[in-house]
């Protein structure tokens, strides 16, 4: 019996095509996996063209990972669609349209409650950057990595709320197909 299991395992490994192994994808979720404050975090990315050379990337926490009616969104604006490593710029959440490579995070608690905004934190030794590993213009598939640290927007914090003041997204890997017209 052990020999049959061993042969089956060896056969499986020999037939495994490593090129087909990419960004992990959970059922009913997207292709965005990261450590958020050292806990596994999975989210669903979507991307639309900002202009011919850049996109806006929105990442929404997957439904099965929402807790206590809380959901988080991560937004990265005017991201170039060519390979390379790009530093993210600090910006306020409401100054999105003129700020290339800006990022912010938003947490909503409950259906009718306003949320908590987080702005990108820029201080040493934080490495706030996004890397585009690959972009295929024919399929519009974009693959990359992200590391970013966010701090709570003081204008957004309400008395009595017990929200985390810092959110670190580390070792994120993602794959997304860009939608919309160029």
C-alpha atoms as a PDB file:
ATOM      1  CA  UNK A   1       0.000   0.000   0.000  1.00  0.00           C
ATOM      2  CA  UNK A   2       2.858   2.382   0.850  1.00  0.00           C
ATOM      3  CA  UNK A   3       4.434   1.720  -2.558  1.00  0.00           C
ATOM      4  CA  UNK A   4       1.196   2.654  -4.354  1.00  0.00           C
ATOM      5  CA  UNK A   5       0.928   5.919  -2.403  1.00  0.00           C
ATOM      6  CA  UNK A   6       4.587   6.694  -3.054  1.00  0.00           C
ATOM      7  CA  UNK A   7       4.241   6.006  -6.792  1.00  0.00           C
ATOM      8  CA  UNK A   8       1.081   8.136  -6.950  1.00  0.00           C
ATOM      9  CA  UNK A   9       2.860  11.024  -5.223  1.00  0.00           C
ATOM     10  CA  UNK A  10       5.891  10.756  -7.516  1.00  0.00           C
ATOM     11  CA  UNK A  11       3.613  10.644 -10.573  1.00  0.00           C
ATOM     12  CA  UNK A  12       1.752  13.717  -9.388  1.00  0.00           C
ATOM     13  CA  UNK A  13       4.990  15.644  -8.817  1.00  0.00           C
ATOM     14  CA  UNK A  14       6.386  14.669 -12.219  1.00  0.00           C
ATOM     15  CA  UNK A  15       3.197  15.829 -13.953  1.00  0.00           C
ATOM     16  CA  UNK A  16       3.030  19.087 -12.043  1.00  0.00           C
ATOM     17  CA  UNK A  17       3.509  22.098 -14.314  1.00  0.00           C
ATOM     18  CA  UNK A  18       5.099  24.792 -12.134  1.00  0.00           C
ATOM     19  CA  UNK A  19       4.338  27.441 -14.749  1.00  0.00           C
ATOM     20  CA  UNK A  20       0.641  27.057 -13.983  1.00  0.00           C
ATOM     21  CA  UNK A  21       1.177  27.735 -10.282  1.00  0.00           C
ATOM     22  CA  UNK A  22       0.658  31.431  -9.765  1.00  0.00           C
ATOM     23  CA  UNK A  23      -0.996  33.673  -7.248  1.00  0.00           C
ATOM     24  CA  UNK A  24      -3.148  31.578  -4.922  1.00  0.00           C
ATOM     25  CA  UNK A  25      -6.872  32.005  -5.326  1.00  0.00           C
ATOM     26  CA  UNK A  26      -9.373  31.109  -2.656  1.00  0.00           C
ATOM     27  CA  UNK A  27     -12.918  30.046  -3.565  1.00  0.00           C
ATOM     28  CA  UNK A  28     -15.231  33.056  -3.987  1.00  0.00           C
ATOM     29  CA  UNK A  29     -12.303  35.375  -3.543  1.00  0.00           C
ATOM     30  CA  UNK A  30      -9.700  37.169  -5.589  1.00  0.00           C
ATOM     31  CA  UNK A  31      -6.069  36.982  -6.416  1.00  0.00           C
ATOM     32  CA  UNK A  32      -4.687  39.185  -3.643  1.00  0.00           C
ATOM     33  CA  UNK A  33      -2.939  37.488  -0.719  1.00  0.00           C
ATOM     34  CA  UNK A  34      -0.966  39.319   1.977  1.00  0.00           C
ATOM     35  CA  UNK A  35      -0.068  39.545   5.607  1.00  0.00           C
ATOM     36  CA  UNK A  36      -2.110  42.301   7.231  1.00  0.00           C
ATOM     37  CA  UNK A  37      -0.689  43.033  10.674  1.00  0.00           C
ATOM     38  CA  UNK A  38       0.975  39.596  10.517  1.00  0.00           C
ATOM     39  CA  UNK A  39      -2.335  37.797   9.831  1.00  0.00           C
ATOM     40  CA  UNK A  40      -3.204  36.167   6.484  1.00  0.00           C
ATOM     41  CA  UNK A  41      -5.431  38.449   4.442  1.00  0.00           C
ATOM     42  CA  UNK A  42      -7.184  37.634   1.199  1.00  0.00           C
ATOM     43  CA  UNK A  43      -8.918  40.158  -0.985  1.00  0.00           C
ATOM     44  CA  UNK A  44     -10.395  40.624  -4.415  1.00  0.00           C
ATOM     45  CA  UNK A  45      -8.609  43.106  -6.695  1.00  0.00           C
ATOM     46  CA  UNK A  46     -10.143  45.018  -9.572  1.00  0.00           C
ATOM     47  CA  UNK A  47      -8.425  47.466 -11.894  1.00  0.00           C
ATOM     48  CA  UNK A  48      -9.525  50.030 -14.456  1.00  0.00           C
ATOM     49  CA  UNK A  49      -7.516  52.227 -16.777  1.00  0.00           C
ATOM     50  CA  UNK A  50      -6.846  55.754 -15.500  1.00  0.00           C
ATOM     51  CA  UNK A  51      -5.262  56.627 -18.838  1.00  0.00           C
ATOM     52  CA  UNK A  52      -3.314  54.763 -21.533  1.00  0.00           C
ATOM     53  CA  UNK A  53      -0.274  54.216 -19.288  1.00  0.00           C
ATOM     54  CA  UNK A  54      -1.708  53.768 -15.785  1.00  0.00           C
ATOM     55  CA  UNK A  55      -4.486  52.108 -13.814  1.00  0.00           C
ATOM     56  CA  UNK A  56      -6.401  52.514 -10.587  1.00  0.00           C
ATOM     57  CA  UNK A  57      -6.328  49.371  -8.468  1.00  0.00           C
ATOM     58  CA  UNK A  58      -9.023  48.681  -5.861  1.00  0.00           C
ATOM     59  CA  UNK A  59      -8.716  45.749  -3.469  1.00  0.00           C
ATOM     60  CA  UNK A  60     -11.757  44.693  -1.432  1.00  0.00           C
ATOM     61  CA  UNK A  61     -11.641  42.258   1.448  1.00  0.00           C
ATOM     62  CA  UNK A  62     -13.305  38.952   0.562  1.00  0.00           C
ATOM     63  CA  UNK A  63     -16.742  38.263   1.991  1.00  0.00           C
ATOM     64  CA  UNK A  64     -15.737  35.177   3.932  1.00  0.00           C
ATOM     65  CA  UNK A  65     -13.020  37.120   5.733  1.00  0.00           C
ATOM     66  CA  UNK A  66     -15.230  39.990   6.943  1.00  0.00           C
ATOM     67  CA  UNK A  67     -15.605  40.088  10.689  1.00  0.00           C
ATOM     68  CA  UNK A  68     -18.220  41.816  12.840  1.00  0.00           C
ATOM     69  CA  UNK A  69     -19.665  43.665   9.828  1.00  0.00           C
ATOM     70  CA  UNK A  70     -16.289  45.221   9.056  1.00  0.00           C
ATOM     71  CA  UNK A  71     -14.872  45.368   5.547  1.00  0.00           C
ATOM     72  CA  UNK A  72     -11.694  47.012   4.246  1.00  0.00           C
ATOM     73  CA  UNK A  73     -10.756  48.499   0.877  1.00  0.00           C
ATOM     74  CA  UNK A  74      -7.295  49.347  -0.369  1.00  0.00           C
ATOM     75  CA  UNK A  75      -6.951  51.846  -3.196  1.00  0.00           C
ATOM     76  CA  UNK A  76      -3.827  52.489  -5.305  1.00  0.00           C
ATOM     77  CA  UNK A  77      -4.089  55.282  -7.837  1.00  0.00           C
ATOM     78  CA  UNK A  78      -2.386  55.935 -11.168  1.00  0.00           C
ATOM     79  CA  UNK A  79      -0.199  52.838 -11.087  1.00  0.00           C
ATOM     80  CA  UNK A  80       2.011  52.444 -14.187  1.00  0.00           C
ATOM     81  CA  UNK A  81       1.309  49.317 -16.252  1.00  0.00           C
ATOM     82  CA  UNK A  82       4.933  48.601 -17.028  1.00  0.00           C
ATOM     83  CA  UNK A  83       7.284  46.392 -15.056  1.00  0.00           C
ATOM     84  CA  UNK A  84       9.259  48.016 -12.283  1.00  0.00           C
ATOM     85  CA  UNK A  85       9.321  48.945  -8.612  1.00  0.00           C
ATOM     86  CA  UNK A  86       7.455  52.112  -7.651  1.00  0.00           C
ATOM     87  CA  UNK A  87       7.411  54.011  -4.342  1.00  0.00           C
ATOM     88  CA  UNK A  88       3.933  54.928  -3.116  1.00  0.00           C
ATOM     89  CA  UNK A  89       3.201  58.563  -2.286  1.00  0.00           C
ATOM     90  CA  UNK A  90       1.431  59.730   0.861  1.00  0.00           C
ATOM     91  CA  UNK A  91      -1.821  61.533   0.142  1.00  0.00           C
ATOM     92  CA  UNK A  92      -5.089  62.272   1.840  1.00  0.00           C
ATOM     93  CA  UNK A  93      -7.935  59.917   0.930  1.00  0.00           C
ATOM     94  CA  UNK A  94      -9.928  62.751  -0.658  1.00  0.00           C
ATOM     95  CA  UNK A  95      -7.100  64.000  -2.928  1.00  0.00           C
ATOM     96  CA  UNK A  96      -7.144  61.057  -5.299  1.00  0.00           C
ATOM     97  CA  UNK A  97      -7.435  62.475  -8.791  1.00  0.00           C
ATOM     98  CA  UNK A  98      -4.209  64.417  -9.079  1.00  0.00           C
ATOM     99  CA  UNK A  99      -1.798  62.235  -7.144  1.00  0.00           C
ATOM    100  CA  UNK A 100       0.105  59.552  -9.040  1.00  0.00           C
ATOM    101  CA  UNK A 101       1.012  56.387  -7.138  1.00  0.00           C
ATOM    102  CA  UNK A 102      -0.963  57.306  -4.048  1.00  0.00           C
ATOM    103  CA  UNK A 103      -2.573  54.763  -1.746  1.00  0.00           C
ATOM    104  CA  UNK A 104      -5.112  54.757   1.061  1.00  0.00           C
ATOM    105  CA  UNK A 105      -7.135  52.232   3.047  1.00  0.00           C
ATOM    106  CA  UNK A 106     -10.730  52.463   4.312  1.00  0.00           C
ATOM    107  CA  UNK A 107     -12.535  50.372   6.929  1.00  0.00           C
ATOM    108  CA  UNK A 108     -16.332  50.393   7.126  1.00  0.00           C
ATOM    109  CA  UNK A 109     -18.120  48.937  10.128  1.00  0.00           C
ATOM    110  CA  UNK A 110     -21.752  47.971   9.570  1.00  0.00           C
ATOM    111  CA  UNK A 111     -23.986  48.835   6.642  1.00  0.00           C
ATOM    112  CA  UNK A 112     -24.911  52.440   7.511  1.00  0.00           C
ATOM    113  CA  UNK A 113     -21.843  53.536   9.419  1.00  0.00           C
ATOM    114  CA  UNK A 114     -19.134  55.742   8.059  1.00  0.00           C
ATOM    115  CA  UNK A 115     -15.765  54.159   8.163  1.00  0.00           C
ATOM    116  CA  UNK A 116     -12.259  54.762   9.334  1.00  0.00           C
ATOM    117  CA  UNK A 117      -9.755  56.126   6.825  1.00  0.00           C
ATOM    118  CA  UNK A 118      -6.078  55.240   6.844  1.00  0.00           C
ATOM    119  CA  UNK A 119      -3.395  57.247   5.063  1.00  0.00           C
ATOM    120  CA  UNK A 120      -0.050  55.947   3.844  1.00  0.00           C
ATOM    121  CA  UNK A 121       2.643  56.322   6.503  1.00  0.00           C
ATOM    122  CA  UNK A 122       5.980  57.728   5.342  1.00  0.00           C
ATOM    123  CA  UNK A 123       8.775  57.386   7.864  1.00  0.00           C
ATOM    124  CA  UNK A 124      11.900  55.288   8.025  1.00  0.00           C
ATOM    125  CA  UNK A 125      12.197  52.315   7.886  1.00  0.00           C
ATOM    126  CA  UNK A 126       8.791  51.711   6.236  1.00  0.00           C
ATOM    127  CA  UNK A 127       9.039  50.557   2.613  1.00  0.00           C
ATOM    128  CA  UNK A 128       5.855  51.643   0.859  1.00  0.00           C
ATOM    129  CA  UNK A 129       6.214  50.300  -2.639  1.00  0.00           C
ATOM    130  CA  UNK A 130       4.492  48.326  -5.314  1.00  0.00           C
ATOM    131  CA  UNK A 131       6.251  46.155  -7.880  1.00  0.00           C
ATOM    132  CA  UNK A 132       4.775  45.295 -11.253  1.00  0.00           C
ATOM    133  CA  UNK A 133       6.276  41.938 -12.158  1.00  0.00           C
ATOM    134  CA  UNK A 134       4.453  41.424 -15.434  1.00  0.00           C
ATOM    135  CA  UNK A 135       1.825  43.050 -17.650  1.00  0.00           C
ATOM    136  CA  UNK A 136       0.380  41.370 -20.749  1.00  0.00           C
ATOM    137  CA  UNK A 137      -1.269  43.998 -23.011  1.00  0.00           C
ATOM    138  CA  UNK A 138      -3.187  41.333 -24.979  1.00  0.00           C
ATOM    139  CA  UNK A 139      -4.857  39.719 -21.964  1.00  0.00           C
ATOM    140  CA  UNK A 140      -4.547  42.854 -19.772  1.00  0.00           C
ATOM    141  CA  UNK A 141      -3.316  40.697 -16.900  1.00  0.00           C
ATOM    142  CA  UNK A 142      -1.172  42.497 -14.334  1.00  0.00           C
ATOM    143  CA  UNK A 143       0.891  40.652 -11.682  1.00  0.00           C
ATOM    144  CA  UNK A 144       2.749  42.256  -8.815  1.00  0.00           C
ATOM    145  CA  UNK A 145       3.792  42.636  -5.179  1.00  0.00           C
ATOM    146  CA  UNK A 146       3.021  45.242  -2.513  1.00  0.00           C
ATOM    147  CA  UNK A 147       4.312  46.386   0.879  1.00  0.00           C
ATOM    148  CA  UNK A 148       2.677  49.375   2.579  1.00  0.00           C
ATOM    149  CA  UNK A 149       1.978  50.811   6.018  1.00  0.00           C
ATOM    150  CA  UNK A 150      -1.087  52.912   6.807  1.00  0.00           C
ATOM    151  CA  UNK A 151      -1.972  54.999   9.866  1.00  0.00           C
ATOM    152  CA  UNK A 152      -5.390  56.134  10.961  1.00  0.00           C
ATOM    153  CA  UNK A 153      -6.494  59.536   9.650  1.00  0.00           C
ATOM    154  CA  UNK A 154      -6.984  61.671  12.781  1.00  0.00           C
ATOM    155  CA  UNK A 155     -10.009  63.361  11.169  1.00  0.00           C
ATOM    156  CA  UNK A 156     -11.602  59.966  10.705  1.00  0.00           C
ATOM    157  CA  UNK A 157     -11.208  58.576  14.221  1.00  0.00           C
ATOM    158  CA  UNK A 158     -14.289  58.826  16.404  1.00  0.00           C
ATOM    159  CA  UNK A 159     -14.232  58.873  20.212  1.00  0.00           C
ATOM    160  CA  UNK A 160     -14.871  55.459  21.704  1.00  0.00           C
ATOM    161  CA  UNK A 161     -13.884  53.495  18.594  1.00  0.00           C
ATOM    162  CA  UNK A 162     -11.304  50.823  19.206  1.00  0.00           C
ATOM    163  CA  UNK A 163      -9.680  50.585  15.793  1.00  0.00           C
ATOM    164  CA  UNK A 164      -6.092  49.628  15.073  1.00  0.00           C
ATOM    165  CA  UNK A 165      -4.067  52.802  14.564  1.00  0.00           C
ATOM    166  CA  UNK A 166      -1.571  51.186  12.141  1.00  0.00           C
ATOM    167  CA  UNK A 167      -2.164  48.644   9.381  1.00  0.00           C
ATOM    168  CA  UNK A 168       0.809  46.972   7.710  1.00  0.00           C
ATOM    169  CA  UNK A 169       0.270  45.079   4.482  1.00  0.00           C
ATOM    170  CA  UNK A 170       3.338  42.946   3.842  1.00  0.00           C
ATOM    171  CA  UNK A 171       4.409  40.465   1.184  1.00  0.00           C
ATOM    172  CA  UNK A 172       1.243  40.964  -0.837  1.00  0.00           C
ATOM    173  CA  UNK A 173       1.052  39.183  -4.175  1.00  0.00           C
ATOM    174  CA  UNK A 174      -1.677  39.892  -6.671  1.00  0.00           C
ATOM    175  CA  UNK A 175      -2.919  39.167 -10.157  1.00  0.00           C
ATOM    176  CA  UNK A 176      -5.680  41.159 -11.805  1.00  0.00           C
ATOM    177  CA  UNK A 177      -7.161  41.676 -15.262  1.00  0.00           C
ATOM    178  CA  UNK A 178      -7.574  45.365 -16.093  1.00  0.00           C
ATOM    179  CA  UNK A 179     -11.081  46.199 -17.303  1.00  0.00           C
ATOM    180  CA  UNK A 180     -12.575  49.132 -19.193  1.00  0.00           C
ATOM    181  CA  UNK A 181     -11.536  51.096 -22.235  1.00  0.00           C
ATOM    182  CA  UNK A 182      -8.049  52.478 -22.693  1.00  0.00           C
END
